[in-house]
C-alpha atoms as a PDB file:
ATOM      1  CA  MET A   1       0.004  -0.079  -0.028  1.00  0.00           C
ATOM      2  CA  LYS A   2       1.435   3.359  -0.957  1.00  0.00           C
ATOM      3  CA  ILE A   3       0.456   6.683   0.727  1.00  0.00           C
ATOM      4  CA  ARG A   4       1.316  10.163  -0.082  1.00  0.00           C
ATOM      5  CA  LEU A   5       1.090  13.268   2.069  1.00  0.00           C
ATOM      6  CA  GLU A   6       1.109  16.768   0.544  1.00  0.00           C
ATOM      7  CA  ALA A   7       1.022  19.738   2.937  1.00  0.00           C
ATOM      8  CA  PRO A   8       2.335  23.369   2.251  1.00  0.00           C
ATOM      9  CA  GLY A   9       6.257  22.908   2.027  1.00  0.00           C
ATOM     10  CA  LEU A  10       5.993  19.266   2.521  1.00  0.00           C
ATOM     11  CA  VAL A  11       5.458  16.183   0.289  1.00  0.00           C
ATOM     12  CA  MET A  12       6.142  12.654   1.463  1.00  0.00           C
ATOM     13  CA  GLN A  13       5.632   9.235   0.134  1.00  0.00           C
ATOM     14  CA  ALA A  14       5.898   5.857   1.533  1.00  0.00           C
ATOM     15  CA  GLU A  15       4.888   2.384   1.238  1.00  0.00           C
ATOM     16  CA  LEU A  16       3.315   0.853   4.129  1.00  0.00           C
ATOM     17  CA  LYS A  17       2.436  -2.530   5.261  1.00  0.00           C
ATOM     18  CA  ASN A  18      -1.156  -3.861   4.663  1.00  0.00           C
ATOM     19  CA  GLU A  19      -1.846  -4.059   8.544  1.00  0.00           C
ATOM     20  CA  ALA A  20      -1.699   0.037   8.472  1.00  0.00           C
ATOM     21  CA  LEU A  21      -4.789   0.278   6.302  1.00  0.00           C
ATOM     22  CA  SER A  22      -7.436   0.569   9.148  1.00  0.00           C
ATOM     23  CA  GLU A  23      -5.022   3.041  11.154  1.00  0.00           C
ATOM     24  CA  VAL A  24      -4.917   5.266   8.027  1.00  0.00           C
ATOM     25  CA  ILE A  25      -8.685   5.027   7.178  1.00  0.00           C
ATOM     26  CA  ALA A  26      -9.328   5.803  10.917  1.00  0.00           C
ATOM     27  CA  LEU A  27      -7.161   8.964  10.831  1.00  0.00           C
ATOM     28  CA  ILE A  28      -8.686  10.006   7.605  1.00  0.00           C
ATOM     29  CA  GLN A  29     -12.126   9.634   9.030  1.00  0.00           C
ATOM     30  CA  ARG A  30     -11.349  11.535  12.251  1.00  0.00           C
ATOM     31  CA  HIS A  31      -9.595  14.372  10.588  1.00  0.00           C
ATOM     32  CA  ARG A  32     -11.113  14.894   7.209  1.00  0.00           C
ATOM     33  CA  VAL A  33     -12.071  18.313   6.337  1.00  0.00           C
ATOM     34  CA  GLU A  34     -15.564  18.406   4.702  1.00  0.00           C
ATOM     35  CA  GLU A  35     -15.661  20.346   1.267  1.00  0.00           C
ATOM     36  CA  PRO A  36     -18.515  22.654   0.869  1.00  0.00           C
ATOM     37  CA  SER A  37     -21.105  21.273  -1.527  1.00  0.00           C
ATOM     38  CA  LEU A  38     -21.393  22.437  -4.893  1.00  0.00           C
ATOM     39  CA  PRO A  39     -24.580  23.140  -7.043  1.00  0.00           C
ATOM     40  CA  MET A  40     -25.772  19.895  -8.798  1.00  0.00           C
ATOM     41  CA  GLU A  41     -24.372  20.965 -12.407  1.00  0.00           C
ATOM     42  CA  GLN A  42     -20.910  21.623 -10.842  1.00  0.00           C
ATOM     43  CA  SER A  43     -20.673  18.636  -8.787  1.00  0.00           C
ATOM     44  CA  ALA A  44     -21.739  16.088 -11.494  1.00  0.00           C
ATOM     45  CA  VAL A  45     -17.976  15.308 -11.994  1.00  0.00           C
ATOM     46  CA  PRO A  46     -15.723  15.983  -8.869  1.00  0.00           C
ATOM     47  CA  ILE A  47     -12.875  18.589  -9.299  1.00  0.00           C
ATOM     48  CA  ASN A  48     -10.344  15.820  -8.469  1.00  0.00           C
ATOM     49  CA  ASN A  49     -11.667  13.580 -10.928  1.00  0.00           C
ATOM     50  CA  GLN A  50     -11.534  16.221 -13.804  1.00  0.00           C
ATOM     51  CA  ILE A  51      -7.827  17.093 -12.697  1.00  0.00           C
ATOM     52  CA  GLU A  52      -6.787  13.242 -12.748  1.00  0.00           C
ATOM     53  CA  ASP A  53      -8.697  12.846 -16.187  1.00  0.00           C
ATOM     54  CA  LYS A  54      -6.727  15.772 -17.578  1.00  0.00           C
ATOM     55  CA  GLU A  55      -3.418  14.353 -16.211  1.00  0.00           C
ATOM     56  CA  SER A  56      -4.348  11.107 -17.735  1.00  0.00           C
ATOM     57  CA  ALA A  57      -5.062  12.485 -20.848  1.00  0.00           C
ATOM     58  CA  VAL A  58      -1.726  14.291 -21.041  1.00  0.00           C
ATOM     59  CA  ARG A  59       0.225  11.098 -19.867  1.00  0.00           C
ATOM     60  CA  THR A  60      -1.607   9.101 -22.679  1.00  0.00           C
ATOM     61  CA  TYR A  61      -0.790  11.749 -25.196  1.00  0.00           C
ATOM     62  CA  LEU A  62       2.976  11.966 -24.099  1.00  0.00           C
ATOM     63  CA  ALA A  63       3.362   8.196 -24.158  1.00  0.00           C
ATOM     64  CA  LYS A  64       2.341   8.026 -27.748  1.00  0.00           C
ATOM     65  CA  HIS A  65       4.375  10.801 -29.218  1.00  0.00           C
ATOM     66  CA  SER A  66       8.142  11.768 -29.298  1.00  0.00           C
ATOM     67  CA  PRO A  67       9.742  14.476 -27.017  1.00  0.00           C
ATOM     68  CA  ALA A  68      10.669  16.370 -30.309  1.00  0.00           C
ATOM     69  CA  GLU A  69       7.091  16.319 -31.426  1.00  0.00           C
ATOM     70  CA  VAL A  70       5.593  17.679 -28.294  1.00  0.00           C
ATOM     71  CA  LEU A  71       8.119  20.400 -28.069  1.00  0.00           C
ATOM     72  CA  ASN A  72       7.690  21.376 -31.521  1.00  0.00           C
ATOM     73  CA  LEU A  73       3.811  21.587 -30.785  1.00  0.00           C
ATOM     74  CA  LEU A  74       3.972  23.497 -27.785  1.00  0.00           C
ATOM     75  CA  LYS A  75       6.774  25.627 -29.020  1.00  0.00           C
ATOM     76  CA  TRP A  76       7.881  26.407 -25.309  1.00  0.00           C
ATOM     77  CA  GLU A  77      11.326  28.195 -25.333  1.00  0.00           C
ATOM     78  CA  THR A  78      12.859  28.303 -21.797  1.00  0.00           C
ATOM     79  CA  TYR A  79      14.807  25.619 -20.461  1.00  0.00           C
ATOM     80  CA  PRO A  80      12.819  25.240 -17.371  1.00  0.00           C
ATOM     81  CA  GLU A  81       9.596  24.563 -19.545  1.00  0.00           C
ATOM     82  CA  LYS A  82      11.435  22.195 -21.714  1.00  0.00           C
ATOM     83  CA  ILE A  83      12.647  20.322 -18.548  1.00  0.00           C
ATOM     84  CA  LEU A  84       8.849  20.209 -17.542  1.00  0.00           C
ATOM     85  CA  VAL A  85       8.025  18.539 -20.825  1.00  0.00           C
ATOM     86  CA  LEU A  86      10.597  16.157 -20.971  1.00  0.00           C
ATOM     87  CA  GLY A  87      10.245  15.187 -17.338  1.00  0.00           C
ATOM     88  CA  ALA A  88       6.598  14.550 -18.146  1.00  0.00           C
ATOM     89  CA  CYS A  89       7.613  12.485 -21.138  1.00  0.00           C
ATOM     90  CA  HIS A  90      10.052  10.461 -18.940  1.00  0.00           C
ATOM     91  CA  GLU A  91       7.084   9.750 -16.313  1.00  0.00           C
ATOM     92  CA  ALA A  92       4.331   9.087 -18.984  1.00  0.00           C
ATOM     93  CA  ARG A  93       6.705   6.400 -20.554  1.00  0.00           C
ATOM     94  CA  GLY A  94       6.393   4.339 -17.291  1.00  0.00           C
ATOM     95  CA  ASN A  95       9.556   5.306 -16.003  1.00  0.00           C
ATOM     96  CA  GLY A  96       7.980   6.731 -12.755  1.00  0.00           C
ATOM     97  CA  GLU A  97       9.016   9.683 -10.519  1.00  0.00           C
ATOM     98  CA  GLY A  98      12.694  10.451  -9.584  1.00  0.00           C
ATOM     99  CA  TRP A  99      14.379  11.339 -12.845  1.00  0.00           C
ATOM    100  CA  ARG A 100      17.853  12.732 -12.853  1.00  0.00           C
ATOM    101  CA  SER A 101      19.818  15.304 -15.071  1.00  0.00           C
ATOM    102  CA  ALA A 102      21.342  12.309 -16.774  1.00  0.00           C
ATOM    103  CA  ASP A 103      17.752  11.227 -17.832  1.00  0.00           C
ATOM    104  CA  MET A 104      17.372  14.811 -19.119  1.00  0.00           C
ATOM    105  CA  ASP A 105      20.529  14.844 -21.185  1.00  0.00           C
ATOM    106  CA  LYS A 106      19.285  11.599 -23.063  1.00  0.00           C
ATOM    107  CA  LEU A 107      15.667  13.112 -23.487  1.00  0.00           C
ATOM    108  CA  PHE A 108      17.224  16.304 -24.678  1.00  0.00           C
ATOM    109  CA  ALA A 109      19.301  14.240 -27.309  1.00  0.00           C
ATOM    110  CA  GLU A 110      16.294  12.206 -28.295  1.00  0.00           C
ATOM    111  CA  ALA A 111      14.370  15.651 -28.827  1.00  0.00           C
ATOM    112  CA  LYS A 112      17.337  16.753 -30.965  1.00  0.00           C
ATOM    113  CA  GLU A 113      17.452  19.745 -28.680  1.00  0.00           C
ATOM    114  CA  ALA A 114      20.568  21.175 -27.084  1.00  0.00           C
ATOM    115  CA  PRO A 115      20.629  20.404 -23.264  1.00  0.00           C
ATOM    116  CA  PRO A 116      20.757  23.440 -20.942  1.00  0.00           C
ATOM    117  CA  ALA A 117      24.375  24.583 -20.134  1.00  0.00           C
ATOM    118  CA  ASN A 118      23.595  25.152 -16.625  1.00  0.00           C
ATOM    119  CA  PHE A 119      21.109  22.503 -15.578  1.00  0.00           C
ATOM    120  CA  PRO A 120      21.166  23.155 -11.706  1.00  0.00           C
ATOM    121  CA  ARG A 121      19.979  26.730 -12.279  1.00  0.00           C
ATOM    122  CA  ASP A 122      17.156  25.843 -14.870  1.00  0.00           C
ATOM    123  CA  ILE A 123      15.912  22.924 -12.499  1.00  0.00           C
ATOM    124  CA  ARG A 124      15.911  25.411  -9.647  1.00  0.00           C
ATOM    125  CA  ASN A 125      13.771  27.816 -11.811  1.00  0.00           C
ATOM    126  CA  ALA A 126      11.292  24.895 -12.825  1.00  0.00           C
ATOM    127  CA  ILE A 127      10.931  24.110  -8.922  1.00  0.00           C
ATOM    128  CA  LYS A 128      10.594  27.820  -8.100  1.00  0.00           C
ATOM    129  CA  ASN A 129       7.847  28.064 -10.783  1.00  0.00           C
ATOM    130  CA  GLY A 130       6.182  24.983  -9.186  1.00  0.00           C
ATOM    131  CA  ASP A 131       6.343  22.960 -12.236  1.00  0.00           C
ATOM    132  CA  ILE A 132       8.840  20.512 -10.863  1.00  0.00           C
ATOM    133  CA  ARG A 133       9.397  19.145  -7.242  1.00  0.00           C
ATOM    134  CA  PRO A 134      12.281  17.541  -5.769  1.00  0.00           C
ATOM    135  CA  VAL A 135      12.000  13.876  -4.731  1.00  0.00           C
ATOM    136  CA  THR A 136      15.489  13.594  -3.352  1.00  0.00           C
ATOM    137  CA  PRO A 137      18.279  16.135  -3.662  1.00  0.00           C
ATOM    138  CA  ARG A 138      19.346  14.837  -7.215  1.00  0.00           C
ATOM    139  CA  THR A 139      15.941  13.509  -8.432  1.00  0.00           C
ATOM    140  CA  TYR A 140      13.012  15.193  -9.552  1.00  0.00           C
ATOM    141  CA  ALA A 141       9.419  14.709 -10.548  1.00  0.00           C
ATOM    142  CA  VAL A 142       6.599  16.666 -12.354  1.00  0.00           C
ATOM    143  CA  SER A 143       4.458  18.419  -9.608  1.00  0.00           C
ATOM    144  CA  ARG A 144       0.491  18.964  -9.745  1.00  0.00           C
ATOM    145  CA  THR A 145       1.095  22.369 -10.947  1.00  0.00           C
ATOM    146  CA  GLY A 146       3.259  21.114 -13.741  1.00  0.00           C
ATOM    147  CA  TRP A 147       0.782  18.635 -15.011  1.00  0.00           C
ATOM    148  CA  ASN A 148      -1.858  21.158 -14.675  1.00  0.00           C
ATOM    149  CA  LYS A 149       0.337  23.625 -16.871  1.00  0.00           C
ATOM    150  CA  LEU A 150       0.771  20.941 -19.446  1.00  0.00           C
ATOM    151  CA  ALA A 151      -2.936  20.022 -19.625  1.00  0.00           C
ATOM    152  CA  ASP A 152      -3.864  23.646 -20.050  1.00  0.00           C
ATOM    153  CA  ALA A 153      -1.366  23.925 -22.869  1.00  0.00           C
ATOM    154  CA  PHE A 154      -2.593  20.824 -24.578  1.00  0.00           C
ATOM    155  CA  THR A 155      -6.149  21.973 -24.091  1.00  0.00           C
ATOM    156  CA  GLU A 156      -5.267  25.132 -25.791  1.00  0.00           C
ATOM    157  CA  GLU A 157      -3.449  23.412 -28.699  1.00  0.00           C
ATOM    158  CA  GLY A 158      -6.448  21.156 -29.100  1.00  0.00           C
ATOM    159  CA  LEU A 159      -4.268  17.932 -28.467  1.00  0.00           C
ATOM    160  CA  ILE A 160      -6.682  16.640 -25.607  1.00  0.00           C
END
């Protein structure tokens, strides 16, 4: 069983033993914040499902297209944006979270793009923008903000 905790300034993931399930459920039930109800037409599809559906659509698209094709379609020019796209490509191909600068070098080469001359600066800017989040000091993943940014760009381009 996997669990993910997100709070301002904190993201934790862990694999838990199955025996912890009842304690996790009890904790959630005791401390859940009830969301205000929405009018019926707005609540037909929960917001979280809409977000997950968009992310899923982006992942599906990225898995079927080359990094070069995606970069050409979006026409994003800055390295932090390109890192977001290529990191999402990496994750969409089933490689999971936790990619490194070496993975980016391979993806930049595959996309026939010059890699950033100063990767630490550019990844720092992508993190500052909220598009990328650190998993460990040298591994990274696309954040929820990054997936939303990609979904908005794909929607605008009519790709999803």
